[in-house]
Amino acid sequence: MHVDRNGDENGDGRRVEAEVSPNGADREFLALERELTVLLRRARASSGEMAREVHPDLESAAYGLLVRLDECGRQRATELAAYIGVGKATMSRQLRALEHLGLIAREPDPADGRAWLVHLTEEGRSRVGKVREARRARYVSQLAHWDRREVAELARLLRQLNRGMEK
């Protein structure tokens, strides 16, 4: 069944129509939900594998923290918690575990003596770099049959999705 979408247009003057399932949900959004569910399941499993490659005792959830520190450098725990979307207690626990493993270190924030900045140690940077390079090589291999423009478009759309979910 096709339903008119209130006269919306797709930019070329044609009306946009959406397929609606019998329960009233747009099929496009049902398909999106299904594909994101599969992607997220696979991402969780992959994150666990990569965390163990960094260090056998590393929790899978902590891998994202290491990647963020690798990309952005020194950060406050509150910034990391906001970016990852976890509470202060969870972030503190994860950071203590990473510090215990020798992957991160803390130093006083020169802008605020009450706060601390977290950063990768040389060991952490080395281990994360090796795992990230292996991950990129897997993506290159898995998407070798894709046109580079498609890869760039997928990255752009995922970035747009992630930014929309921050709000």
N, C-alpha and C. Protein backbone atom coordinates (compact mmCIF):
# COMPACT_ATOMS: atom_id res chain seq x y z
N MET A 1 0.85 -1.18 0.00
CA MET A 1 0.00 0.00 0.00
C MET A 1 0.89 1.23 0.00
N HIS A 2 0.59 2.18 -0.87
CA HIS A 2 1.35 3.43 -0.92
C HIS A 2 0.52 4.54 -0.30
N VAL A 3 1.19 5.38 0.46
CA VAL A 3 0.52 6.49 1.14
C VAL A 3 1.22 7.77 0.76
N ASP A 4 0.46 8.77 0.37
CA ASP A 4 1.02 10.08 0.07
C ASP A 4 1.59 10.67 1.34
N ARG A 5 2.76 11.26 1.24
CA ARG A 5 3.44 11.84 2.41
C ARG A 5 3.20 13.34 2.47
N ASN A 6 1.95 13.76 2.53
CA ASN A 6 1.58 15.16 2.69
C ASN A 6 2.18 16.07 1.62
N GLY A 7 2.34 15.55 0.42
CA GLY A 7 2.83 16.39 -0.65
C GLY A 7 4.31 16.69 -0.58
N ASP A 8 5.07 16.01 0.29
CA ASP A 8 6.51 16.24 0.35
C ASP A 8 7.12 15.92 -1.00
N GLU A 9 8.20 16.58 -1.30
CA GLU A 9 8.88 16.33 -2.55
C GLU A 9 10.30 15.93 -2.28
N ASN A 10 10.91 15.19 -3.22
CA ASN A 10 12.28 14.71 -3.02
C ASN A 10 13.32 15.59 -3.70
N GLY A 11 12.94 16.78 -4.07
CA GLY A 11 13.89 17.70 -4.65
C GLY A 11 13.83 17.79 -6.16
N ASP A 12 13.16 16.85 -6.80
CA ASP A 12 13.08 16.92 -8.27
C ASP A 12 11.64 17.13 -8.73
N GLY A 13 10.79 17.59 -7.81
CA GLY A 13 9.42 17.93 -8.18
C GLY A 13 8.44 16.78 -8.09
N ARG A 14 8.92 15.56 -7.80
CA ARG A 14 8.01 14.42 -7.69
C ARG A 14 7.57 14.24 -6.25
N ARG A 15 6.36 13.74 -6.10
CA ARG A 15 5.88 13.45 -4.75
C ARG A 15 6.61 12.23 -4.20
N VAL A 16 6.84 12.26 -2.88
CA VAL A 16 7.47 11.14 -2.20
C VAL A 16 6.37 10.28 -1.61
N GLU A 17 6.44 9.00 -1.88
CA GLU A 17 5.48 8.08 -1.31
C GLU A 17 6.23 7.08 -0.46
N ALA A 18 5.62 6.66 0.64
CA ALA A 18 6.24 5.68 1.51
C ALA A 18 5.34 4.46 1.62
N GLU A 19 5.97 3.30 1.63
CA GLU A 19 5.20 2.09 1.85
C GLU A 19 4.93 1.97 3.33
N VAL A 20 3.69 1.66 3.67
CA VAL A 20 3.32 1.52 5.07
C VAL A 20 2.86 0.10 5.29
N SER A 21 3.38 -0.52 6.35
CA SER A 21 3.01 -1.90 6.66
C SER A 21 1.61 -1.92 7.25
N PRO A 22 1.02 -3.10 7.37
CA PRO A 22 -0.34 -3.19 7.92
C PRO A 22 -0.47 -2.59 9.32
N ASN A 23 0.61 -2.61 10.13
CA ASN A 23 0.50 -2.03 11.47
C ASN A 23 0.77 -0.53 11.47
N GLY A 24 0.98 0.07 10.29
CA GLY A 24 1.12 1.51 10.18
C GLY A 24 2.56 2.02 10.18
N ALA A 25 3.52 1.14 10.32
CA ALA A 25 4.93 1.58 10.35
C ALA A 25 5.47 1.67 8.93
N ASP A 26 6.25 2.71 8.67
CA ASP A 26 6.88 2.84 7.36
C ASP A 26 7.84 1.69 7.14
N ARG A 27 7.76 1.04 5.99
CA ARG A 27 8.65 -0.09 5.70
C ARG A 27 10.11 0.32 5.67
N GLU A 28 10.38 1.55 5.23
CA GLU A 28 11.76 2.01 5.20
C GLU A 28 12.36 2.02 6.61
N PHE A 29 11.56 2.45 7.58
CA PHE A 29 12.06 2.50 8.95
C PHE A 29 12.13 1.11 9.58
N LEU A 30 11.24 0.22 9.17
CA LEU A 30 11.35 -1.16 9.63
C LEU A 30 12.62 -1.81 9.06
N ALA A 31 12.90 -1.54 7.79
CA ALA A 31 14.13 -2.07 7.18
C ALA A 31 15.36 -1.48 7.85
N LEU A 32 15.32 -0.18 8.15
CA LEU A 32 16.43 0.47 8.83
C LEU A 32 16.65 -0.16 10.20
N GLU A 33 15.59 -0.36 10.95
CA GLU A 33 15.69 -0.97 12.28
C GLU A 33 16.30 -2.36 12.18
N ARG A 34 15.86 -3.15 11.22
CA ARG A 34 16.37 -4.51 11.04
C ARG A 34 17.87 -4.49 10.72
N GLU A 35 18.28 -3.64 9.79
CA GLU A 35 19.69 -3.61 9.38
C GLU A 35 20.58 -3.04 10.47
N LEU A 36 20.09 -2.04 11.20
CA LEU A 36 20.88 -1.50 12.31
C LEU A 36 21.05 -2.53 13.42
N THR A 37 20.01 -3.33 13.66
CA THR A 37 20.10 -4.38 14.67
C THR A 37 21.19 -5.38 14.31
N VAL A 38 21.22 -5.80 13.07
CA VAL A 38 22.26 -6.74 12.62
C VAL A 38 23.64 -6.08 12.73
N LEU A 39 23.76 -4.85 12.25
CA LEU A 39 25.03 -4.13 12.30
C LEU A 39 25.52 -3.98 13.74
N LEU A 40 24.64 -3.60 14.64
CA LEU A 40 25.04 -3.40 16.03
C LEU A 40 25.45 -4.70 16.70
N ARG A 41 24.75 -5.79 16.40
CA ARG A 41 25.15 -7.10 16.94
C ARG A 41 26.56 -7.46 16.47
N ARG A 42 26.79 -7.28 15.19
CA ARG A 42 28.12 -7.60 14.64
C ARG A 42 29.18 -6.65 15.20
N ALA A 43 28.83 -5.38 15.36
CA ALA A 43 29.79 -4.40 15.90
C ALA A 43 30.16 -4.75 17.34
N ARG A 44 29.18 -5.17 18.14
CA ARG A 44 29.49 -5.56 19.52
C ARG A 44 30.44 -6.75 19.55
N ALA A 45 30.18 -7.74 18.71
CA ALA A 45 31.05 -8.92 18.66
C ALA A 45 32.45 -8.51 18.19
N SER A 46 32.52 -7.68 17.17
CA SER A 46 33.80 -7.22 16.64
C SER A 46 34.55 -6.38 17.66
N SER A 47 33.84 -5.54 18.39
CA SER A 47 34.47 -4.70 19.41
C SER A 47 35.08 -5.58 20.49
N GLY A 48 34.41 -6.64 20.86
CA GLY A 48 34.95 -7.56 21.85
C GLY A 48 36.22 -8.22 21.36
N GLU A 49 36.22 -8.64 20.09
CA GLU A 49 37.43 -9.25 19.51
C GLU A 49 38.59 -8.26 19.51
N MET A 50 38.31 -7.03 19.11
CA MET A 50 39.37 -6.03 19.04
C MET A 50 39.87 -5.64 20.42
N ALA A 51 38.97 -5.58 21.38
CA ALA A 51 39.39 -5.28 22.75
C ALA A 51 40.36 -6.35 23.23
N ARG A 52 40.06 -7.61 22.97
CA ARG A 52 40.95 -8.69 23.39
C ARG A 52 42.28 -8.67 22.64
N GLU A 53 42.27 -8.15 21.41
CA GLU A 53 43.52 -8.00 20.67
C GLU A 53 44.40 -6.92 21.30
N VAL A 54 43.78 -5.86 21.82
CA VAL A 54 44.53 -4.80 22.49
C VAL A 54 45.13 -5.37 23.78
N HIS A 55 44.29 -6.04 24.56
CA HIS A 55 44.74 -6.66 25.82
C HIS A 55 43.73 -7.74 26.19
N PRO A 56 44.18 -8.93 26.56
CA PRO A 56 43.25 -10.03 26.86
C PRO A 56 42.25 -9.72 27.98
N ASP A 57 42.58 -8.81 28.88
CA ASP A 57 41.70 -8.49 30.00
C ASP A 57 40.84 -7.25 29.76
N LEU A 58 40.88 -6.71 28.56
CA LEU A 58 40.15 -5.48 28.26
C LEU A 58 38.68 -5.78 27.99
N GLU A 59 37.79 -5.01 28.63
CA GLU A 59 36.34 -5.12 28.36
C GLU A 59 36.05 -4.56 26.97
N SER A 60 35.10 -5.16 26.30
CA SER A 60 34.79 -4.71 24.94
C SER A 60 34.32 -3.26 24.92
N ALA A 61 33.59 -2.82 25.94
CA ALA A 61 33.08 -1.44 25.97
C ALA A 61 34.21 -0.43 26.03
N ALA A 62 35.36 -0.82 26.57
CA ALA A 62 36.47 0.11 26.74
C ALA A 62 37.22 0.38 25.44
N TYR A 63 37.04 -0.47 24.45
CA TYR A 63 37.74 -0.28 23.18
C TYR A 63 37.41 1.09 22.58
N GLY A 64 36.14 1.46 22.60
CA GLY A 64 35.72 2.76 22.06
C GLY A 64 36.39 3.93 22.76
N LEU A 65 36.62 3.81 24.05
CA LEU A 65 37.33 4.87 24.79
C LEU A 65 38.75 5.02 24.28
N LEU A 66 39.41 3.89 24.06
CA LEU A 66 40.78 3.93 23.57
C LEU A 66 40.86 4.56 22.18
N VAL A 67 39.90 4.22 21.33
CA VAL A 67 39.87 4.79 19.98
C VAL A 67 39.65 6.30 20.06
N ARG A 68 38.74 6.72 20.92
CA ARG A 68 38.47 8.16 21.08
C ARG A 68 39.73 8.89 21.55
N LEU A 69 40.43 8.33 22.52
CA LEU A 69 41.66 8.95 23.00
C LEU A 69 42.74 8.95 21.93
N ASP A 70 42.77 7.91 21.12
CA ASP A 70 43.73 7.84 20.02
C ASP A 70 43.46 8.95 19.01
N GLU A 71 42.20 9.20 18.72
CA GLU A 71 41.83 10.20 17.72
C GLU A 71 41.89 11.63 18.26
N CYS A 72 41.51 11.83 19.51
CA CYS A 72 41.34 13.19 20.03
C CYS A 72 42.38 13.62 21.04
N GLY A 73 43.19 12.71 21.51
CA GLY A 73 44.19 13.07 22.51
C GLY A 73 43.59 13.22 23.89
N ARG A 74 44.26 13.98 24.72
CA ARG A 74 43.88 14.15 26.13
C ARG A 74 42.45 14.68 26.25
N GLN A 75 41.72 14.06 27.17
CA GLN A 75 40.34 14.49 27.42
C GLN A 75 40.00 14.30 28.89
N ARG A 76 39.04 15.08 29.34
CA ARG A 76 38.50 14.88 30.68
C ARG A 76 37.57 13.67 30.66
N ALA A 77 37.46 13.03 31.80
CA ALA A 77 36.57 11.87 31.93
C ALA A 77 35.12 12.27 31.61
N THR A 78 34.73 13.48 31.99
CA THR A 78 33.36 13.92 31.72
C THR A 78 33.10 14.05 30.23
N GLU A 79 34.10 14.50 29.47
CA GLU A 79 33.97 14.58 28.00
C GLU A 79 33.83 13.19 27.39
N LEU A 80 34.65 12.27 27.88
CA LEU A 80 34.57 10.89 27.38
C LEU A 80 33.21 10.27 27.69
N ALA A 81 32.74 10.48 28.91
CA ALA A 81 31.45 9.92 29.32
C ALA A 81 30.33 10.47 28.44
N ALA A 82 30.36 11.77 28.18
CA ALA A 82 29.33 12.38 27.34
C ALA A 82 29.39 11.83 25.92
N TYR A 83 30.59 11.68 25.38
CA TYR A 83 30.74 11.19 24.02
C TYR A 83 30.25 9.74 23.90
N ILE A 84 30.65 8.90 24.84
CA ILE A 84 30.28 7.48 24.80
C ILE A 84 28.83 7.28 25.21
N GLY A 85 28.32 8.18 26.06
CA GLY A 85 26.92 8.08 26.50
C GLY A 85 26.76 7.22 27.74
N VAL A 86 27.71 7.33 28.67
CA VAL A 86 27.61 6.58 29.93
C VAL A 86 27.72 7.56 31.09
N GLY A 87 27.38 7.07 32.28
CA GLY A 87 27.44 7.90 33.47
C GLY A 87 28.85 8.02 34.02
N LYS A 88 28.97 8.94 34.98
CA LYS A 88 30.27 9.22 35.59
C LYS A 88 30.85 7.99 36.30
N ALA A 89 30.03 7.23 37.01
CA ALA A 89 30.50 6.05 37.74
C ALA A 89 31.01 4.98 36.78
N THR A 90 30.29 4.75 35.71
CA THR A 90 30.72 3.76 34.71
C THR A 90 32.02 4.19 34.08
N MET A 91 32.13 5.47 33.75
CA MET A 91 33.36 5.98 33.13
C MET A 91 34.53 5.84 34.10
N SER A 92 34.33 6.17 35.34
CA SER A 92 35.41 6.05 36.33
C SER A 92 35.89 4.61 36.45
N ARG A 93 34.96 3.67 36.48
CA ARG A 93 35.31 2.25 36.58
C ARG A 93 36.11 1.81 35.36
N GLN A 94 35.66 2.20 34.16
CA GLN A 94 36.36 1.81 32.94
C GLN A 94 37.76 2.43 32.88
N LEU A 95 37.87 3.68 33.28
CA LEU A 95 39.17 4.35 33.26
C LEU A 95 40.14 3.72 34.27
N ARG A 96 39.64 3.36 35.45
CA ARG A 96 40.50 2.69 36.43
C ARG A 96 41.04 1.38 35.86
N ALA A 97 40.17 0.61 35.19
CA ALA A 97 40.59 -0.67 34.60
C ALA A 97 41.63 -0.44 33.52
N LEU A 98 41.44 0.57 32.68
CA LEU A 98 42.40 0.87 31.61
C LEU A 98 43.74 1.35 32.20
N GLU A 99 43.66 2.11 33.26
CA GLU A 99 44.88 2.59 33.91
C GLU A 99 45.62 1.40 34.53
N HIS A 100 44.89 0.49 35.16
CA HIS A 100 45.48 -0.71 35.76
C HIS A 100 46.19 -1.57 34.71
N LEU A 101 45.65 -1.60 33.50
CA LEU A 101 46.26 -2.38 32.41
C LEU A 101 47.44 -1.65 31.76
N GLY A 102 47.68 -0.39 32.17
CA GLY A 102 48.79 0.37 31.63
C GLY A 102 48.52 0.97 30.26
N LEU A 103 47.24 1.08 29.88
CA LEU A 103 46.88 1.59 28.56
C LEU A 103 46.62 3.09 28.56
N ILE A 104 46.23 3.63 29.72
CA ILE A 104 46.00 5.07 29.85
C ILE A 104 46.71 5.59 31.09
N ALA A 105 46.86 6.90 31.15
CA ALA A 105 47.39 7.58 32.33
C ALA A 105 46.56 8.85 32.55
N ARG A 106 46.63 9.35 33.76
CA ARG A 106 45.92 10.59 34.10
C ARG A 106 46.95 11.63 34.49
N GLU A 107 46.60 12.89 34.24
CA GLU A 107 47.45 14.01 34.65
C GLU A 107 46.54 15.18 35.01
N PRO A 108 46.97 16.05 35.89
CA PRO A 108 46.14 17.20 36.26
C PRO A 108 45.86 18.08 35.03
N ASP A 109 44.64 18.60 34.98
CA ASP A 109 44.25 19.51 33.91
C ASP A 109 44.82 20.89 34.24
N PRO A 110 45.72 21.42 33.38
CA PRO A 110 46.31 22.73 33.68
C PRO A 110 45.26 23.85 33.72
N ALA A 111 44.13 23.66 33.06
CA ALA A 111 43.09 24.68 33.06
C ALA A 111 42.22 24.64 34.32
N ASP A 112 42.25 23.50 35.04
CA ASP A 112 41.44 23.34 36.24
C ASP A 112 42.10 22.30 37.13
N GLY A 113 42.75 22.76 38.18
CA GLY A 113 43.51 21.88 39.05
C GLY A 113 42.69 20.79 39.72
N ARG A 114 41.37 20.93 39.74
CA ARG A 114 40.50 19.91 40.35
C ARG A 114 40.21 18.78 39.39
N ALA A 115 40.43 18.99 38.10
CA ALA A 115 40.08 18.00 37.08
C ALA A 115 41.34 17.26 36.58
N TRP A 116 41.09 16.14 35.94
CA TRP A 116 42.17 15.32 35.40
C TRP A 116 41.96 15.13 33.91
N LEU A 117 43.05 15.03 33.17
CA LEU A 117 43.02 14.68 31.76
C LEU A 117 43.50 13.24 31.62
N VAL A 118 42.85 12.52 30.75
CA VAL A 118 43.19 11.12 30.49
C VAL A 118 43.84 11.05 29.12
N HIS A 119 44.87 10.22 28.98
CA HIS A 119 45.51 10.04 27.67
C HIS A 119 46.07 8.64 27.56
N LEU A 120 46.31 8.22 26.34
CA LEU A 120 46.92 6.92 26.09
C LEU A 120 48.38 6.95 26.51
N THR A 121 48.82 5.84 27.08
CA THR A 121 50.25 5.68 27.32
C THR A 121 50.90 5.26 25.99
N GLU A 122 52.21 5.23 25.94
CA GLU A 122 52.88 4.76 24.72
C GLU A 122 52.46 3.33 24.41
N GLU A 123 52.37 2.50 25.45
CA GLU A 123 51.92 1.11 25.27
C GLU A 123 50.50 1.08 24.71
N GLY A 124 49.62 1.90 25.29
CA GLY A 124 48.24 1.97 24.81
C GLY A 124 48.16 2.42 23.37
N ARG A 125 48.94 3.45 23.03
CA ARG A 125 48.93 3.99 21.66
C ARG A 125 49.42 2.93 20.67
N SER A 126 50.45 2.21 21.05
CA SER A 126 51.01 1.17 20.18
C SER A 126 50.00 0.04 19.95
N ARG A 127 49.41 -0.43 21.02
CA ARG A 127 48.46 -1.55 20.92
C ARG A 127 47.20 -1.15 20.13
N VAL A 128 46.67 0.02 20.44
CA VAL A 128 45.46 0.49 19.74
C VAL A 128 45.77 0.71 18.26
N GLY A 129 46.93 1.29 17.97
CA GLY A 129 47.30 1.53 16.57
C GLY A 129 47.37 0.25 15.76
N LYS A 130 47.93 -0.79 16.32
CA LYS A 130 48.02 -2.08 15.61
C LYS A 130 46.64 -2.66 15.34
N VAL A 131 45.78 -2.61 16.34
CA VAL A 131 44.44 -3.17 16.18
C VAL A 131 43.62 -2.35 15.18
N ARG A 132 43.74 -1.03 15.24
CA ARG A 132 42.99 -0.18 14.30
C ARG A 132 43.46 -0.40 12.87
N GLU A 133 44.76 -0.57 12.69
CA GLU A 133 45.27 -0.83 11.34
C GLU A 133 44.75 -2.17 10.82
N ALA A 134 44.70 -3.18 11.67
CA ALA A 134 44.15 -4.48 11.26
C ALA A 134 42.66 -4.36 10.93
N ARG A 135 41.94 -3.54 11.70
CA ARG A 135 40.52 -3.34 11.44
C ARG A 135 40.31 -2.65 10.09
N ARG A 136 41.09 -1.61 9.83
CA ARG A 136 40.98 -0.92 8.53
C ARG A 136 41.28 -1.88 7.38
N ALA A 137 42.27 -2.73 7.56
CA ALA A 137 42.61 -3.70 6.51
C ALA A 137 41.44 -4.66 6.27
N ARG A 138 40.74 -5.04 7.33
CA ARG A 138 39.56 -5.90 7.17
C ARG A 138 38.47 -5.18 6.39
N TYR A 139 38.24 -3.90 6.71
CA TYR A 139 37.23 -3.14 5.97
C TYR A 139 37.59 -3.05 4.50
N VAL A 140 38.85 -2.78 4.21
CA VAL A 140 39.30 -2.68 2.82
C VAL A 140 39.04 -4.00 2.11
N SER A 141 39.35 -5.10 2.76
CA SER A 141 39.15 -6.41 2.16
C SER A 141 37.66 -6.72 1.97
N GLN A 142 36.87 -6.46 3.00
CA GLN A 142 35.44 -6.77 2.94
C GLN A 142 34.69 -5.90 1.95
N LEU A 143 35.17 -4.68 1.73
CA LEU A 143 34.47 -3.75 0.84
C LEU A 143 35.23 -3.51 -0.46
N ALA A 144 36.13 -4.41 -0.80
CA ALA A 144 36.95 -4.24 -2.00
C ALA A 144 36.10 -4.15 -3.27
N HIS A 145 34.96 -4.78 -3.29
CA HIS A 145 34.08 -4.75 -4.47
C HIS A 145 33.21 -3.50 -4.52
N TRP A 146 33.26 -2.66 -3.50
CA TRP A 146 32.51 -1.42 -3.49
C TRP A 146 33.29 -0.34 -4.21
N ASP A 147 32.57 0.56 -4.84
CA ASP A 147 33.17 1.75 -5.41
C ASP A 147 33.57 2.67 -4.24
N ARG A 148 34.70 3.34 -4.35
CA ARG A 148 35.17 4.23 -3.28
C ARG A 148 34.14 5.32 -2.94
N ARG A 149 33.38 5.77 -3.94
CA ARG A 149 32.35 6.78 -3.67
C ARG A 149 31.25 6.20 -2.78
N GLU A 150 30.94 4.91 -2.95
CA GLU A 150 29.94 4.27 -2.09
C GLU A 150 30.44 4.18 -0.65
N VAL A 151 31.71 3.86 -0.49
CA VAL A 151 32.30 3.81 0.85
C VAL A 151 32.24 5.19 1.48
N ALA A 152 32.59 6.21 0.73
CA ALA A 152 32.55 7.58 1.24
C ALA A 152 31.11 7.98 1.58
N GLU A 153 30.16 7.59 0.76
CA GLU A 153 28.75 7.92 1.03
C GLU A 153 28.26 7.20 2.28
N LEU A 154 28.63 5.94 2.45
CA LEU A 154 28.25 5.21 3.66
C LEU A 154 28.83 5.91 4.89
N ALA A 155 30.09 6.28 4.83
CA ALA A 155 30.72 6.99 5.96
C ALA A 155 30.00 8.30 6.24
N ARG A 156 29.63 9.03 5.20
CA ARG A 156 28.92 10.30 5.37
C ARG A 156 27.56 10.08 6.03
N LEU A 157 26.83 9.07 5.57
CA LEU A 157 25.51 8.80 6.13
C LEU A 157 25.60 8.32 7.58
N LEU A 158 26.58 7.49 7.88
CA LEU A 158 26.75 7.04 9.26
C LEU A 158 27.12 8.20 10.17
N ARG A 159 27.96 9.10 9.68
CA ARG A 159 28.31 10.29 10.46
C ARG A 159 27.07 11.14 10.72
N GLN A 160 26.26 11.31 9.69
CA GLN A 160 25.02 12.06 9.84
C GLN A 160 24.10 11.39 10.85
N LEU A 161 24.00 10.08 10.80
CA LEU A 161 23.18 9.33 11.75
C LEU A 161 23.71 9.51 13.17
N ASN A 162 25.02 9.36 13.35
CA ASN A 162 25.62 9.51 14.67
C ASN A 162 25.44 10.90 15.22
N ARG A 163 25.59 11.91 14.39
CA ARG A 163 25.39 13.30 14.84
C ARG A 163 23.93 13.52 15.25
N GLY A 164 23.01 12.96 14.49
CA GLY A 164 21.59 13.09 14.82
C GLY A 164 21.24 12.42 16.13
N MET A 165 21.94 11.36 16.46
CA MET A 165 21.67 10.63 17.71
C MET A 165 22.30 11.30 18.92
N GLU A 166 23.22 12.25 18.71
CA GLU A 166 23.83 12.97 19.82
C GLU A 166 22.86 13.94 20.46
N LYS A 167 21.88 14.38 19.70
CA LYS A 167 20.96 15.43 20.16
C LYS A 167 19.93 14.91 21.10
